[in-house]
Amino acid sequence: PLESALSGDERWTDVTFLGGWDPTFTTRDPTVYPTLFRARSRRTPFGADRRAFTIVASDGDAIAITIDGLTLMNGRAKRIIDTFDTFAIGQDGGGGLAALAGSEGSIVLDVRRSTISFNRSALVAGGGVFIGASGGNSSVVATFDRVVLSGNEADYAGALELLSCGGLSCNAALTMTNCVVIGNEAEGSAAIHALGTGVNLDLVNTTITANHGHTEPDEYPEGAIVVGTGAVANLTNTILWGNGLSPEALGADPTLGAR
């Protein structure tokens, strides 16, 4: 697991994690030789936690991370991430992968040929992944290519939460290409929740199916993808079909508007 809580002139840049090596470390094939990151409970700068992978940038930190050929699994987000500059987002999760930029912080995240599965959030949102910008002049730019998100759970955003605090030059962008989001569960937005001014979600050649929302009696049913106030989403050659709600209701696939 990676925890970055750096400040001042310290920064990690262009760090690459490669999985899928054969036993001789001469060739890579993540399908044949999966590299598993199974989260374990541990003490972190944020307190007791069990996220598989955590990235935090603030106070001018500029962090570039590439994850290629890893399986991030069995994580559980238990603690709110504090960026050490008074900004924290109370609904952050990301049991498998959390990336949070605080004031003056920036993250470039590139995830390829990887699987994020069977993670949970004990917080509000983002069972599998949380990507957020939480302070002034903060930025997260993430790219997922051939990534599978499956079997993750949270109260909201079972697979992935993309969030910006809005109004403070916060920007959070995610492009997903050739990805599959399947079999995730939540009360609402079972697959993906995008919310906040400065949030941009682009889905290209991506399939989102068999995700399931369990609506509470006093709540409005939400689809597998929720695009809330301020967020912009673009879907290109993308399949959004076969998602479900319990109890059954209209709109099991997308929900657009104020949330």
Protein backbone atom coordinates (compact mmCIF):
# COMPACT_ATOMS: atom_id res chain seq x y z
CA PRO A 1 0.00 0.00 0.00
CA LEU A 2 1.08 3.57 -0.68
CA GLU A 3 0.50 6.40 1.73
CA SER A 4 1.76 9.85 0.75
CA ALA A 5 1.40 12.64 3.30
CA LEU A 6 4.23 14.87 2.16
CA SER A 7 4.60 18.63 2.57
CA GLY A 8 7.02 21.42 1.82
CA ASP A 9 9.63 20.54 -0.78
CA GLU A 10 9.10 16.79 -0.40
CA ARG A 11 7.20 15.10 -3.18
CA TRP A 12 6.92 11.78 -4.98
CA THR A 13 6.71 12.08 -8.74
CA ASP A 14 6.44 9.60 -11.59
CA VAL A 15 6.20 6.52 -9.38
CA THR A 16 5.17 3.38 -11.29
CA PHE A 17 3.85 0.11 -9.83
CA LEU A 18 4.02 -2.81 -12.25
CA GLY A 19 2.34 -6.16 -11.61
CA GLY A 20 1.77 -9.30 -13.61
CA TRP A 21 5.38 -10.49 -13.77
CA ASP A 22 6.17 -14.11 -14.49
CA PRO A 23 8.29 -16.03 -11.90
CA THR A 24 11.52 -15.00 -13.66
CA PHE A 25 10.55 -11.32 -13.91
CA THR A 26 11.19 -11.30 -17.65
CA THR A 27 7.65 -10.91 -19.06
CA ARG A 28 4.40 -9.41 -17.83
CA ASP A 29 0.86 -10.71 -18.20
CA PRO A 30 -1.53 -9.58 -15.41
CA THR A 31 -4.15 -12.10 -16.53
CA VAL A 32 -1.85 -15.11 -16.20
CA TYR A 33 0.23 -13.81 -13.29
CA PRO A 34 -2.00 -11.53 -11.20
CA THR A 35 -0.34 -9.39 -8.56
CA LEU A 36 -2.68 -9.04 -5.58
CA PHE A 37 -2.77 -6.15 -3.12
CA ARG A 38 -4.88 -7.48 -0.24
CA ALA A 39 -5.46 -4.75 2.30
CA ARG A 40 -4.66 -5.36 5.97
CA SER A 41 -5.50 -3.25 9.01
CA ARG A 42 -2.69 -0.86 9.88
CA ARG A 43 -1.89 2.44 11.53
CA THR A 44 -1.51 5.38 9.14
CA PRO A 45 -1.06 9.15 9.52
CA PHE A 46 -4.87 9.24 9.35
CA GLY A 47 -5.47 6.65 12.09
CA ALA A 48 -6.47 3.01 11.84
CA ASP A 49 -7.43 2.17 8.27
CA ARG A 50 -7.61 -0.66 5.75
CA ARG A 51 -7.49 0.94 2.34
CA ALA A 52 -5.42 -0.96 -0.20
CA PHE A 53 -3.90 2.14 -1.84
CA THR A 54 -3.95 5.76 -0.63
CA ILE A 55 -2.55 8.84 -2.38
CA VAL A 56 -2.71 12.31 -0.79
CA ALA A 57 -1.28 15.58 -2.15
CA SER A 58 -1.39 18.99 -0.46
CA ASP A 59 0.74 22.09 0.25
CA GLY A 60 2.12 22.18 -3.27
CA ASP A 61 2.78 18.46 -3.64
CA ALA A 62 2.69 17.22 -7.24
CA ILE A 63 2.31 13.45 -7.41
CA ALA A 64 2.19 11.25 -10.52
CA ILE A 65 1.32 7.58 -9.98
CA THR A 66 0.99 4.77 -12.51
CA ILE A 67 -0.62 1.48 -11.47
CA ASP A 68 -0.32 -1.21 -14.12
CA GLY A 69 -1.33 -4.83 -13.71
CA LEU A 70 -2.41 -4.90 -10.06
CA THR A 71 -5.47 -6.31 -8.29
CA LEU A 72 -6.56 -4.11 -5.36
CA MET A 73 -8.91 -6.07 -3.12
CA ASN A 74 -10.37 -6.60 0.35
CA GLY A 75 -9.86 -2.96 1.34
CA ARG A 76 -12.11 -1.14 3.78
CA ALA A 77 -12.11 2.64 4.08
CA LYS A 78 -12.56 3.36 7.78
CA ARG A 79 -11.11 6.83 8.38
CA ILE A 80 -11.72 10.23 6.79
CA ILE A 81 -8.59 11.41 4.98
CA ASP A 82 -7.25 14.74 6.23
CA THR A 83 -5.00 16.64 3.82
CA PHE A 84 -3.31 18.49 6.72
CA ASP A 85 -4.45 21.89 5.43
CA THR A 86 -7.85 21.92 7.19
CA PHE A 87 -9.59 20.36 4.18
CA ALA A 88 -11.18 16.95 4.41
CA ILE A 89 -14.20 15.44 2.67
CA GLY A 90 -16.45 13.64 5.12
CA GLN A 91 -17.81 11.23 2.53
CA ASP A 92 -14.52 10.03 1.12
CA GLY A 93 -14.09 6.30 0.82
CA GLY A 94 -12.06 4.27 -1.61
CA GLY A 95 -11.49 0.94 0.08
CA GLY A 96 -9.44 -0.19 -2.92
CA LEU A 97 -7.97 3.11 -4.10
CA ALA A 98 -8.24 6.64 -2.69
CA ALA A 99 -6.70 9.72 -4.33
CA LEU A 100 -7.29 13.08 -2.64
CA ALA A 101 -5.75 16.47 -3.49
CA GLY A 102 -5.87 19.23 -0.87
CA SER A 103 -5.05 22.92 -1.26
CA GLU A 104 -2.34 23.57 -3.87
CA GLY A 105 -1.95 19.82 -4.39
CA SER A 106 -2.13 17.91 -7.67
CA ILE A 107 -2.34 14.24 -8.58
CA VAL A 108 -1.99 12.59 -11.97
CA LEU A 109 -3.19 9.00 -11.70
CA ASP A 110 -2.92 6.40 -14.46
CA VAL A 111 -4.43 2.95 -13.80
CA ARG A 112 -4.04 0.28 -16.48
CA ARG A 113 -4.92 -3.41 -16.88
CA SER A 114 -5.96 -3.63 -13.24
CA THR A 115 -8.82 -4.96 -11.14
CA ILE A 116 -10.42 -3.26 -8.13
CA SER A 117 -12.71 -5.76 -6.41
CA PHE A 118 -14.40 -6.69 -3.15
CA ASN A 119 -13.62 -3.45 -1.36
CA ARG A 120 -15.87 -1.60 1.08
CA SER A 121 -16.37 1.85 2.56
CA ALA A 122 -17.44 2.28 6.17
CA LEU A 123 -17.80 5.99 5.34
CA VAL A 124 -20.48 7.42 3.07
CA ALA A 125 -19.33 6.78 -0.48
CA GLY A 126 -16.85 5.13 -2.82
CA GLY A 127 -16.63 1.45 -1.99
CA GLY A 128 -13.98 0.66 -4.59
CA VAL A 129 -12.48 4.03 -5.57
CA PHE A 130 -12.60 7.59 -4.27
CA ILE A 131 -11.15 10.46 -6.34
CA GLY A 132 -11.50 13.93 -4.87
CA ALA A 133 -10.26 17.53 -4.96
CA SER A 134 -10.85 19.18 -1.61
CA GLY A 135 -9.07 22.53 -1.36
CA GLY A 136 -8.23 25.70 -3.29
CA ASN A 137 -6.20 25.14 -6.47
CA SER A 138 -6.39 21.38 -6.10
CA SER A 139 -6.46 19.01 -9.03
CA VAL A 140 -6.80 15.29 -9.71
CA VAL A 141 -6.58 13.99 -13.27
CA ALA A 142 -7.16 10.24 -13.49
CA THR A 143 -7.15 7.81 -16.41
CA PHE A 144 -8.42 4.23 -16.19
CA ASP A 145 -7.66 1.92 -19.12
CA ARG A 146 -8.85 -1.71 -19.17
CA VAL A 147 -9.81 -1.60 -15.50
CA VAL A 148 -12.46 -3.86 -13.94
CA LEU A 149 -14.40 -2.63 -10.89
CA SER A 150 -16.48 -5.43 -9.41
CA GLY A 151 -18.04 -6.58 -6.16
CA ASN A 152 -17.44 -3.30 -4.29
CA GLU A 153 -19.93 -1.89 -1.75
CA ALA A 154 -20.76 1.39 -0.01
CA ASP A 155 -23.81 3.35 1.13
CA TYR A 156 -23.42 5.41 -2.04
CA ALA A 157 -21.23 5.03 -5.11
CA GLY A 158 -20.57 1.33 -4.74
CA ALA A 159 -17.77 1.26 -7.32
CA LEU A 160 -16.48 4.83 -7.59
CA GLU A 161 -16.97 8.34 -6.20
CA LEU A 162 -15.66 11.36 -8.19
CA LEU A 163 -16.01 14.53 -6.15
CA SER A 164 -14.94 18.16 -6.06
CA CYS A 165 -15.54 20.59 -3.23
CA GLY A 166 -16.53 23.17 -5.88
CA GLY A 167 -16.10 26.91 -5.90
CA LEU A 168 -12.46 26.89 -4.79
CA SER A 169 -10.66 26.11 -8.05
CA CYS A 170 -11.05 22.38 -7.40
CA ASN A 171 -10.90 20.06 -10.40
CA ALA A 172 -11.42 16.30 -10.48
CA ALA A 173 -11.41 14.54 -13.85
CA LEU A 174 -11.64 10.86 -14.73
CA THR A 175 -11.48 9.20 -18.15
CA MET A 176 -12.40 5.51 -18.28
CA THR A 177 -11.60 3.66 -21.51
CA ASN A 178 -12.33 -0.02 -22.23
CA CYS A 179 -13.41 -0.57 -18.63
CA VAL A 180 -16.04 -2.80 -17.00
CA VAL A 181 -18.06 -1.81 -13.93
CA ILE A 182 -20.06 -4.83 -12.81
CA GLY A 183 -21.69 -6.32 -9.74
CA ASN A 184 -21.23 -3.39 -7.36
CA GLU A 185 -23.82 -2.50 -4.70
CA ALA A 186 -25.01 0.57 -2.79
CA GLU A 187 -28.17 2.23 -1.57
CA GLY A 188 -27.81 4.78 -4.37
CA SER A 189 -25.48 5.25 -7.35
CA ALA A 190 -24.47 1.60 -7.22
CA ALA A 191 -21.74 2.10 -9.84
CA ILE A 192 -20.51 5.71 -10.13
CA HIS A 193 -21.36 9.02 -8.45
CA ALA A 194 -19.98 12.26 -9.94
CA LEU A 195 -20.66 15.49 -8.03
CA GLY A 196 -19.40 19.06 -7.86
CA THR A 197 -18.33 21.99 -10.01
CA GLY A 198 -15.06 21.09 -11.69
CA VAL A 199 -15.90 17.39 -12.00
CA ASN A 200 -15.56 15.80 -15.44
CA LEU A 201 -16.35 12.14 -16.14
CA ASP A 202 -15.65 10.63 -19.55
CA LEU A 203 -16.64 7.04 -20.30
CA VAL A 204 -15.37 5.57 -23.58
CA ASN A 205 -16.01 1.99 -24.76
CA THR A 206 -17.01 1.11 -21.21
CA THR A 207 -19.66 -1.34 -19.94
CA ILE A 208 -21.67 -0.67 -16.76
CA THR A 209 -24.00 -3.52 -15.93
CA ALA A 210 -25.43 -5.72 -13.16
CA ASN A 211 -24.88 -3.11 -10.47
CA HIS A 212 -27.60 -2.98 -7.83
CA GLY A 213 -29.09 -0.22 -5.70
CA HIS A 214 -30.96 -0.96 -2.48
CA THR A 215 -33.19 2.06 -1.93
CA GLU A 216 -34.24 2.89 1.63
CA PRO A 217 -37.99 3.50 2.13
CA ASP A 218 -37.56 7.24 2.68
CA GLU A 219 -35.09 7.82 -0.17
CA TYR A 220 -35.47 8.59 -3.85
CA PRO A 221 -34.30 5.76 -6.14
CA GLU A 222 -31.00 6.47 -7.88
CA GLY A 223 -29.55 4.82 -10.96
CA ALA A 224 -26.24 3.02 -11.29
CA ILE A 225 -24.65 6.29 -12.46
CA VAL A 226 -25.57 9.56 -10.75
CA VAL A 227 -24.39 12.83 -12.28
CA GLY A 228 -25.09 15.51 -9.70
CA THR A 229 -25.05 19.28 -9.60
CA GLY A 230 -22.05 20.88 -11.29
CA ALA A 231 -20.62 17.68 -12.75
CA VAL A 232 -20.20 17.01 -16.47
CA ALA A 233 -20.35 13.48 -17.92
CA ASN A 234 -19.70 12.32 -21.48
CA LEU A 235 -20.51 8.76 -22.57
CA THR A 236 -19.09 7.52 -25.89
CA ASN A 237 -19.71 4.00 -27.23
CA THR A 238 -20.63 3.01 -23.69
CA ILE A 239 -23.13 0.37 -22.55
CA LEU A 240 -25.27 1.32 -19.54
CA TRP A 241 -27.76 -1.50 -19.20
CA GLY A 242 -29.04 -4.26 -16.96
CA ASN A 243 -28.61 -2.50 -13.62
CA GLY A 244 -31.19 -3.02 -10.91
CA LEU A 245 -33.04 -1.39 -8.03
CA SER A 246 -34.69 -2.90 -4.98
CA PRO A 247 -37.57 -2.27 -4.66
CA GLU A 248 -38.04 -2.09 -8.42
CA ALA A 249 -38.32 1.43 -9.82
CA LEU A 250 -37.75 3.37 -13.03
CA GLY A 251 -34.29 4.80 -13.71
CA ALA A 252 -32.08 1.92 -12.61
CA ASP A 253 -29.36 2.95 -15.10
CA PRO A 254 -28.74 6.75 -15.03
CA THR A 255 -29.84 9.57 -12.73
CA LEU A 256 -29.21 13.18 -13.76
CA GLY A 257 -29.75 16.32 -11.71
CA ALA A 258 -29.46 17.66 -8.19
CA ARG A 259 -28.29 15.03 -5.73
